[in-house]
């Protein structure tokens, strides 16, 4: 069975943070940067709640898509290793 150390897990977390930061200064800058503020700062509470709700819904969809792929990989592994 494969395993990782706490240090390796911490490194994976740092990699994820670096990827998130790259999105903020990449595509996020194009979509949300308004000069000296970010778009969410100028949203009304209603707009912010709508946006947050839509993002939460996207997270559900991404989670299901990831689950589908994980299940497919799991099935293939079971076939390949007679698990």
PDB file of N, CA and C in Angstrom:
ATOM      1  N   UNK A   1       0.843  -1.188   0.000  1.00  0.00           N
ATOM      2  CA  UNK A   1       0.000   0.000   0.000  1.00  0.00           C
ATOM      3  C   UNK A   1       0.884   1.246   0.000  1.00  0.00           C
ATOM      4  N   UNK A   2       0.512   2.214  -0.801  1.00  0.00           N
ATOM      5  CA  UNK A   2       1.268   3.461  -0.857  1.00  0.00           C
ATOM      6  C   UNK A   2       0.891   4.337   0.328  1.00  0.00           C
ATOM      7  N   UNK A   3       1.861   5.052   0.830  1.00  0.00           N
ATOM      8  CA  UNK A   3       1.585   5.976   1.932  1.00  0.00           C
ATOM      9  C   UNK A   3       2.487   7.187   1.778  1.00  0.00           C
ATOM     10  N   UNK A   4       2.134   8.242   2.490  1.00  0.00           N
ATOM     11  CA  UNK A   4       2.946   9.457   2.475  1.00  0.00           C
ATOM     12  C   UNK A   4       3.181   9.909   3.903  1.00  0.00           C
ATOM     13  N   UNK A   5       4.235  10.645   4.071  1.00  0.00           N
ATOM     14  CA  UNK A   5       4.549  11.187   5.391  1.00  0.00           C
ATOM     15  C   UNK A   5       3.789  12.496   5.601  1.00  0.00           C
ATOM     16  N   UNK A   6       3.801  12.967   6.818  1.00  0.00           N
ATOM     17  CA  UNK A   6       3.177  14.266   7.116  1.00  0.00           C
ATOM     18  C   UNK A   6       3.855  15.379   6.324  1.00  0.00           C
ATOM     19  N   UNK A   7       5.170  15.306   6.180  1.00  0.00           N
ATOM     20  CA  UNK A   7       5.894  16.319   5.408  1.00  0.00           C
ATOM     21  C   UNK A   7       5.482  16.283   3.939  1.00  0.00           C
ATOM     22  N   UNK A   8       5.297  15.092   3.394  1.00  0.00           N
ATOM     23  CA  UNK A   8       4.863  14.979   2.007  1.00  0.00           C
ATOM     24  C   UNK A   8       3.444  15.508   1.826  1.00  0.00           C
ATOM     25  N   UNK A   9       2.578  15.233   2.797  1.00  0.00           N
ATOM     26  CA  UNK A   9       1.217  15.760   2.750  1.00  0.00           C
ATOM     27  C   UNK A   9       1.246  17.284   2.817  1.00  0.00           C
ATOM     28  N   UNK A  10       2.074  17.836   3.687  1.00  0.00           N
ATOM     29  CA  UNK A  10       2.207  19.290   3.790  1.00  0.00           C
ATOM     30  C   UNK A  10       2.704  19.881   2.475  1.00  0.00           C
ATOM     31  N   UNK A  11       3.613  19.190   1.798  1.00  0.00           N
ATOM     32  CA  UNK A  11       4.108  19.657   0.501  1.00  0.00           C
ATOM     33  C   UNK A  11       2.985  19.639  -0.540  1.00  0.00           C
ATOM     34  N   UNK A  12       2.146  18.620  -0.504  1.00  0.00           N
ATOM     35  CA  UNK A  12       1.008  18.558  -1.430  1.00  0.00           C
ATOM     36  C   UNK A  12       0.047  19.716  -1.171  1.00  0.00           C
ATOM     37  N   UNK A  13      -0.149  20.065   0.091  1.00  0.00           N
ATOM     38  CA  UNK A  13      -0.995  21.207   0.441  1.00  0.00           C
ATOM     39  C   UNK A  13      -0.374  22.494  -0.118  1.00  0.00           C
ATOM     40  N   UNK A  14       0.926  22.644   0.048  1.00  0.00           N
ATOM     41  CA  UNK A  14       1.612  23.826  -0.483  1.00  0.00           C
ATOM     42  C   UNK A  14       1.490  23.893  -2.008  1.00  0.00           C
ATOM     43  N   UNK A  15       1.586  22.752  -2.679  1.00  0.00           N
ATOM     44  CA  UNK A  15       1.413  22.722  -4.140  1.00  0.00           C
ATOM     45  C   UNK A  15       0.016  23.209  -4.525  1.00  0.00           C
ATOM     46  N   UNK A  16      -0.989  22.768  -3.778  1.00  0.00           N
ATOM     47  CA  UNK A  16      -2.364  23.192  -4.053  1.00  0.00           C
ATOM     48  C   UNK A  16      -2.521  24.694  -3.832  1.00  0.00           C
ATOM     49  N   UNK A  17      -1.884  25.217  -2.799  1.00  0.00           N
ATOM     50  CA  UNK A  17      -1.943  26.657  -2.524  1.00  0.00           C
ATOM     51  C   UNK A  17      -1.262  27.433  -3.641  1.00  0.00           C
ATOM     52  N   UNK A  18      -0.114  26.934  -4.111  1.00  0.00           N
ATOM     53  CA  UNK A  18       0.573  27.608  -5.226  1.00  0.00           C
ATOM     54  C   UNK A  18      -0.317  27.622  -6.469  1.00  0.00           C
ATOM     55  N   UNK A  19      -1.005  26.516  -6.736  1.00  0.00           N
ATOM     56  CA  UNK A  19      -1.901  26.450  -7.893  1.00  0.00           C
ATOM     57  C   UNK A  19      -3.055  27.439  -7.736  1.00  0.00           C
ATOM     58  N   UNK A  20      -3.609  27.536  -6.522  1.00  0.00           N
ATOM     59  CA  UNK A  20      -4.700  28.485  -6.265  1.00  0.00           C
ATOM     60  C   UNK A  20      -4.208  29.924  -6.438  1.00  0.00           C
ATOM     61  N   UNK A  21      -3.016  30.216  -5.940  1.00  0.00           N
ATOM     62  CA  UNK A  21      -2.451  31.558  -6.098  1.00  0.00           C
ATOM     63  C   UNK A  21      -2.237  31.891  -7.570  1.00  0.00           C
ATOM     64  N   UNK A  22      -1.792  30.910  -8.348  1.00  0.00           N
ATOM     65  CA  UNK A  22      -1.590  31.138  -9.779  1.00  0.00           C
ATOM     66  C   UNK A  22      -2.914  31.469 -10.464  1.00  0.00           C
ATOM     67  N   UNK A  23      -4.003  30.853 -10.029  1.00  0.00           N
ATOM     68  CA  UNK A  23      -5.313  31.164 -10.593  1.00  0.00           C
ATOM     69  C   UNK A  23      -5.740  32.589 -10.238  1.00  0.00           C
ATOM     70  N   UNK A  24      -5.430  33.027  -9.020  1.00  0.00           N
ATOM     71  CA  UNK A  24      -5.800  34.381  -8.590  1.00  0.00           C
ATOM     72  C   UNK A  24      -5.106  35.424  -9.458  1.00  0.00           C
ATOM     73  N   UNK A  25      -3.837  35.232  -9.740  1.00  0.00           N
ATOM     74  CA  UNK A  25      -3.094  36.227 -10.517  1.00  0.00           C
ATOM     75  C   UNK A  25      -3.153  35.954 -12.018  1.00  0.00           C
ATOM     76  N   UNK A  26      -3.758  34.843 -12.412  1.00  0.00           N
ATOM     77  CA  UNK A  26      -3.938  34.506 -13.818  1.00  0.00           C
ATOM     78  C   UNK A  26      -5.358  34.814 -14.252  1.00  0.00           C
ATOM     79  N   UNK A  27      -6.142  33.761 -14.444  1.00  0.00           N
ATOM     80  CA  UNK A  27      -7.523  33.915 -14.910  1.00  0.00           C
ATOM     81  C   UNK A  27      -8.360  34.739 -13.930  1.00  0.00           C
ATOM     82  N   UNK A  28      -8.096  34.596 -12.644  1.00  0.00           N
ATOM     83  CA  UNK A  28      -8.839  35.370 -11.645  1.00  0.00           C
ATOM     84  C   UNK A  28      -8.619  36.865 -11.793  1.00  0.00           C
ATOM     85  N   UNK A  29      -7.402  37.242 -12.135  1.00  0.00           N
ATOM     86  CA  UNK A  29      -7.112  38.670 -12.331  1.00  0.00           C
ATOM     87  C   UNK A  29      -7.926  39.214 -13.495  1.00  0.00           C
ATOM     88  N   UNK A  30      -8.012  38.436 -14.566  1.00  0.00           N
ATOM     89  CA  UNK A  30      -8.805  38.863 -15.723  1.00  0.00           C
ATOM     90  C   UNK A  30     -10.284  38.987 -15.383  1.00  0.00           C
ATOM     91  N   UNK A  31     -10.773  38.073 -14.551  1.00  0.00           N
ATOM     92  CA  UNK A  31     -12.207  38.021 -14.263  1.00  0.00           C
ATOM     93  C   UNK A  31     -12.646  38.904 -13.098  1.00  0.00           C
ATOM     94  N   UNK A  32     -11.780  39.103 -12.112  1.00  0.00           N
ATOM     95  CA  UNK A  32     -12.235  39.729 -10.868  1.00  0.00           C
ATOM     96  C   UNK A  32     -11.482  40.982 -10.444  1.00  0.00           C
ATOM     97  N   UNK A  33     -10.323  41.268 -11.066  1.00  0.00           N
ATOM     98  CA  UNK A  33      -9.534  42.420 -10.661  1.00  0.00           C
ATOM     99  C   UNK A  33     -10.172  43.700 -11.196  1.00  0.00           C
ATOM    100  N   UNK A  34     -10.389  44.649 -10.303  1.00  0.00           N
ATOM    101  CA  UNK A  34     -10.963  45.941 -10.694  1.00  0.00           C
ATOM    102  C   UNK A  34     -10.011  47.069 -10.307  1.00  0.00           C
ATOM    103  N   UNK A  35      -8.734  46.842 -10.537  1.00  0.00           N
ATOM    104  CA  UNK A  35      -7.736  47.868 -10.216  1.00  0.00           C
ATOM    105  C   UNK A  35      -7.271  47.758  -8.786  1.00  0.00           C
ATOM    106  N   UNK A  36      -7.846  48.582  -7.916  1.00  0.00           N
ATOM    107  CA  UNK A  36      -7.424  48.561  -6.518  1.00  0.00           C
ATOM    108  C   UNK A  36      -8.363  47.745  -5.637  1.00  0.00           C
ATOM    109  N   UNK A  37      -9.340  47.072  -6.247  1.00  0.00           N
ATOM    110  CA  UNK A  37     -10.262  46.207  -5.493  1.00  0.00           C
ATOM    111  C   UNK A  37     -10.529  44.939  -6.298  1.00  0.00           C
ATOM    112  N   UNK A  38     -11.138  44.002  -5.649  1.00  0.00           N
ATOM    113  CA  UNK A  38     -11.609  42.781  -6.289  1.00  0.00           C
ATOM    114  C   UNK A  38     -13.118  42.890  -6.472  1.00  0.00           C
ATOM    115  N   UNK A  39     -13.638  42.261  -7.509  1.00  0.00           N
ATOM    116  CA  UNK A  39     -15.052  42.396  -7.828  1.00  0.00           C
ATOM    117  C   UNK A  39     -15.950  42.062  -6.627  1.00  0.00           C
ATOM    118  N   UNK A  40     -15.591  41.028  -5.843  1.00  0.00           N
ATOM    119  CA  UNK A  40     -16.454  40.654  -4.718  1.00  0.00           C
ATOM    120  C   UNK A  40     -16.599  41.785  -3.703  1.00  0.00           C
ATOM    121  N   UNK A  41     -15.621  42.678  -3.651  1.00  0.00           N
ATOM    122  CA  UNK A  41     -15.679  43.780  -2.690  1.00  0.00           C
ATOM    123  C   UNK A  41     -16.743  44.811  -3.053  1.00  0.00           C
ATOM    124  N   UNK A  42     -17.053  44.929  -4.333  1.00  0.00           N
ATOM    125  CA  UNK A  42     -18.041  45.924  -4.748  1.00  0.00           C
ATOM    126  C   UNK A  42     -19.427  45.325  -4.980  1.00  0.00           C
ATOM    127  N   UNK A  43     -19.556  44.030  -4.768  1.00  0.00           N
ATOM    128  CA  UNK A  43     -20.868  43.386  -4.940  1.00  0.00           C
ATOM    129  C   UNK A  43     -21.796  43.763  -3.798  1.00  0.00           C
ATOM    130  N   UNK A  44     -23.067  43.842  -4.133  1.00  0.00           N
ATOM    131  CA  UNK A  44     -24.047  43.992  -3.058  1.00  0.00           C
ATOM    132  C   UNK A  44     -24.125  42.664  -2.311  1.00  0.00           C
ATOM    133  N   UNK A  45     -24.715  42.690  -1.148  1.00  0.00           N
ATOM    134  CA  UNK A  45     -24.880  41.446  -0.387  1.00  0.00           C
ATOM    135  C   UNK A  45     -25.672  40.440  -1.218  1.00  0.00           C
ATOM    136  N   UNK A  46     -26.697  40.888  -1.897  1.00  0.00           N
ATOM    137  CA  UNK A  46     -27.500  39.998  -2.742  1.00  0.00           C
ATOM    138  C   UNK A  46     -26.647  39.375  -3.852  1.00  0.00           C
ATOM    139  N   UNK A  47     -25.837  40.195  -4.519  1.00  0.00           N
ATOM    140  CA  UNK A  47     -24.961  39.677  -5.584  1.00  0.00           C
ATOM    141  C   UNK A  47     -23.941  38.692  -5.026  1.00  0.00           C
ATOM    142  N   UNK A  48     -23.373  39.035  -3.878  1.00  0.00           N
ATOM    143  CA  UNK A  48     -22.377  38.167  -3.252  1.00  0.00           C
ATOM    144  C   UNK A  48     -22.985  36.820  -2.861  1.00  0.00           C
ATOM    145  N   UNK A  49     -24.178  36.852  -2.307  1.00  0.00           N
ATOM    146  CA  UNK A  49     -24.846  35.603  -1.930  1.00  0.00           C
ATOM    147  C   UNK A  49     -25.174  34.771  -3.162  1.00  0.00           C
ATOM    148  N   UNK A  50     -25.624  35.411  -4.231  1.00  0.00           N
ATOM    149  CA  UNK A  50     -25.925  34.696  -5.478  1.00  0.00           C
ATOM    150  C   UNK A  50     -24.659  34.055  -6.038  1.00  0.00           C
ATOM    151  N   UNK A  51     -23.579  34.832  -6.091  1.00  0.00           N
ATOM    152  CA  UNK A  51     -22.305  34.347  -6.592  1.00  0.00           C
ATOM    153  C   UNK A  51     -21.807  33.177  -5.744  1.00  0.00           C
ATOM    154  N   UNK A  52     -21.865  33.317  -4.420  1.00  0.00           N
ATOM    155  CA  UNK A  52     -21.407  32.254  -3.529  1.00  0.00           C
ATOM    156  C   UNK A  52     -22.252  30.994  -3.697  1.00  0.00           C
ATOM    157  N   UNK A  53     -23.551  31.175  -3.875  1.00  0.00           N
ATOM    158  CA  UNK A  53     -24.441  30.030  -4.093  1.00  0.00           C
ATOM    159  C   UNK A  53     -24.072  29.309  -5.389  1.00  0.00           C
ATOM    160  N   UNK A  54     -23.814  30.063  -6.441  1.00  0.00           N
ATOM    161  CA  UNK A  54     -23.424  29.457  -7.715  1.00  0.00           C
ATOM    162  C   UNK A  54     -22.090  28.728  -7.597  1.00  0.00           C
ATOM    163  N   UNK A  55     -21.155  29.308  -6.866  1.00  0.00           N
ATOM    164  CA  UNK A  55     -19.865  28.649  -6.660  1.00  0.00           C
ATOM    165  C   UNK A  55     -20.038  27.356  -5.871  1.00  0.00           C
ATOM    166  N   UNK A  56     -20.899  27.368  -4.861  1.00  0.00           N
ATOM    167  CA  UNK A  56     -21.170  26.154  -4.087  1.00  0.00           C
ATOM    168  C   UNK A  56     -21.772  25.076  -4.984  1.00  0.00           C
ATOM    169  N   UNK A  57     -22.672  25.482  -5.868  1.00  0.00           N
ATOM    170  CA  UNK A  57     -23.263  24.521  -6.809  1.00  0.00           C
ATOM    171  C   UNK A  57     -22.192  23.955  -7.740  1.00  0.00           C
ATOM    172  N   UNK A  58     -21.264  24.797  -8.196  1.00  0.00           N
ATOM    173  CA  UNK A  58     -20.163  24.318  -9.030  1.00  0.00           C
ATOM    174  C   UNK A  58     -19.312  23.300  -8.279  1.00  0.00           C
ATOM    175  N   UNK A  59     -19.067  23.558  -6.992  1.00  0.00           N
ATOM    176  CA  UNK A  59     -18.284  22.605  -6.198  1.00  0.00           C
ATOM    177  C   UNK A  59     -18.957  21.237  -6.149  1.00  0.00           C
ATOM    178  N   UNK A  60     -20.273  21.235  -6.042  1.00  0.00           N
ATOM    179  CA  UNK A  60     -21.005  19.963  -6.044  1.00  0.00           C
ATOM    180  C   UNK A  60     -20.774  19.240  -7.373  1.00  0.00           C
ATOM    181  N   UNK A  61     -20.914  19.973  -8.476  1.00  0.00           N
ATOM    182  CA  UNK A  61     -20.727  19.366  -9.799  1.00  0.00           C
ATOM    183  C   UNK A  61     -19.305  18.831  -9.952  1.00  0.00           C
ATOM    184  N   UNK A  62     -18.303  19.628  -9.556  1.00  0.00           N
ATOM    185  CA  UNK A  62     -16.913  19.186  -9.680  1.00  0.00           C
ATOM    186  C   UNK A  62     -16.667  17.954  -8.812  1.00  0.00           C
ATOM    187  N   UNK A  63     -17.269  17.926  -7.638  1.00  0.00           N
ATOM    188  CA  UNK A  63     -17.128  16.767  -6.762  1.00  0.00           C
ATOM    189  C   UNK A  63     -17.712  15.515  -7.394  1.00  0.00           C
ATOM    190  N   UNK A  64     -18.870  15.644  -8.011  1.00  0.00           N
ATOM    191  CA  UNK A  64     -19.495  14.495  -8.677  1.00  0.00           C
ATOM    192  C   UNK A  64     -18.658  14.056  -9.875  1.00  0.00           C
ATOM    193  N   UNK A  65     -18.156  15.017 -10.656  1.00  0.00           N
ATOM    194  CA  UNK A  65     -17.308  14.647 -11.795  1.00  0.00           C
ATOM    195  C   UNK A  65     -16.068  13.897 -11.310  1.00  0.00           C
ATOM    196  N   UNK A  66     -15.440  14.374 -10.251  1.00  0.00           N
ATOM    197  CA  UNK A  66     -14.262  13.700  -9.702  1.00  0.00           C
ATOM    198  C   UNK A  66     -14.637  12.303  -9.207  1.00  0.00           C
ATOM    199  N   UNK A  67     -15.792  12.190  -8.568  1.00  0.00           N
ATOM    200  CA  UNK A  67     -16.244  10.890  -8.062  1.00  0.00           C
ATOM    201  C   UNK A  67     -16.442   9.906  -9.206  1.00  0.00           C
ATOM    202  N   UNK A  68     -17.035  10.360 -10.307  1.00  0.00           N
ATOM    203  CA  UNK A  68     -17.231   9.497 -11.470  1.00  0.00           C
ATOM    204  C   UNK A  68     -15.892   8.975 -11.974  1.00  0.00           C
ATOM    205  N   UNK A  69     -14.924   9.876 -12.107  1.00  0.00           N
ATOM    206  CA  UNK A  69     -13.606   9.462 -12.594  1.00  0.00           C
ATOM    207  C   UNK A  69     -12.929   8.512 -11.610  1.00  0.00           C
ATOM    208  N   UNK A  70     -13.046   8.786 -10.321  1.00  0.00           N
ATOM    209  CA  UNK A  70     -12.450   7.908  -9.305  1.00  0.00           C
ATOM    210  C   UNK A  70     -13.059   6.521  -9.392  1.00  0.00           C
ATOM    211  N   UNK A  71     -14.372   6.446  -9.533  1.00  0.00           N
ATOM    212  CA  UNK A  71     -15.050   5.147  -9.637  1.00  0.00           C
ATOM    213  C   UNK A  71     -14.589   4.395 -10.878  1.00  0.00           C
ATOM    214  N   UNK A  72     -14.408   5.100 -11.996  1.00  0.00           N
ATOM    215  CA  UNK A  72     -13.929   4.460 -13.217  1.00  0.00           C
ATOM    216  C   UNK A  72     -12.514   3.897 -13.024  1.00  0.00           C
ATOM    217  N   UNK A  73     -11.651   4.687 -12.403  1.00  0.00           N
ATOM    218  CA  UNK A  73     -10.288   4.226 -12.142  1.00  0.00           C
ATOM    219  C   UNK A  73     -10.326   3.020 -11.209  1.00  0.00           C
ATOM    220  N   UNK A  74     -11.154   3.099 -10.183  1.00  0.00           N
ATOM    221  CA  UNK A  74     -11.286   1.994  -9.232  1.00  0.00           C
ATOM    222  C   UNK A  74     -11.708   0.706  -9.945  1.00  0.00           C
ATOM    223  N   UNK A  75     -12.694   0.804 -10.854  1.00  0.00           N
ATOM    224  CA  UNK A  75     -13.143  -0.378 -11.603  1.00  0.00           C
ATOM    225  C   UNK A  75     -12.010  -0.954 -12.450  1.00  0.00           C
ATOM    226  N   UNK A  76     -11.256  -0.061 -13.091  1.00  0.00           N
ATOM    227  CA  UNK A  76     -10.145  -0.533 -13.919  1.00  0.00           C
ATOM    228  C   UNK A  76      -9.050  -1.189 -13.074  1.00  0.00           C
ATOM    229  N   UNK A  77      -8.786  -0.611 -11.925  1.00  0.00           N
ATOM    230  CA  UNK A  77      -7.777  -1.205 -11.037  1.00  0.00           C
ATOM    231  C   UNK A  77      -8.220  -2.576 -10.548  1.00  0.00           C
ATOM    232  N   UNK A  78      -9.497  -2.698 -10.214  1.00  0.00           N
ATOM    233  CA  UNK A  78     -10.009  -3.996  -9.759  1.00  0.00           C
ATOM    234  C   UNK A  78      -9.875  -5.045 -10.858  1.00  0.00           C
ATOM    235  N   UNK A  79     -10.136  -4.645 -12.103  1.00  0.00           N
ATOM    236  CA  UNK A  79      -9.988  -5.563 -13.225  1.00  0.00           C
ATOM    237  C   UNK A  79      -8.518  -5.955 -13.407  1.00  0.00           C
ATOM    238  N   UNK A  80      -7.657  -4.960 -13.344  1.00  0.00           N
ATOM    239  CA  UNK A  80      -6.233  -5.193 -13.598  1.00  0.00           C
ATOM    240  C   UNK A  80      -5.520  -5.974 -12.512  1.00  0.00           C
ATOM    241  N   UNK A  81      -5.998  -5.834 -11.291  1.00  0.00           N
ATOM    242  CA  UNK A  81      -5.328  -6.488 -10.162  1.00  0.00           C
ATOM    243  C   UNK A  81      -6.178  -7.568  -9.509  1.00  0.00           C
ATOM    244  N   UNK A  82      -7.288  -7.903 -10.125  1.00  0.00           N
ATOM    245  CA  UNK A  82      -8.204  -8.916  -9.577  1.00  0.00           C
ATOM    246  C   UNK A  82      -8.508  -8.663  -8.103  1.00  0.00           C
ATOM    247  N   UNK A  83      -8.845  -7.423  -7.785  1.00  0.00           N
ATOM    248  CA  UNK A  83      -9.167  -7.057  -6.396  1.00  0.00           C
ATOM    249  C   UNK A  83     -10.601  -7.399  -6.058  1.00  0.00           C
TER     250      UNK A  83
END
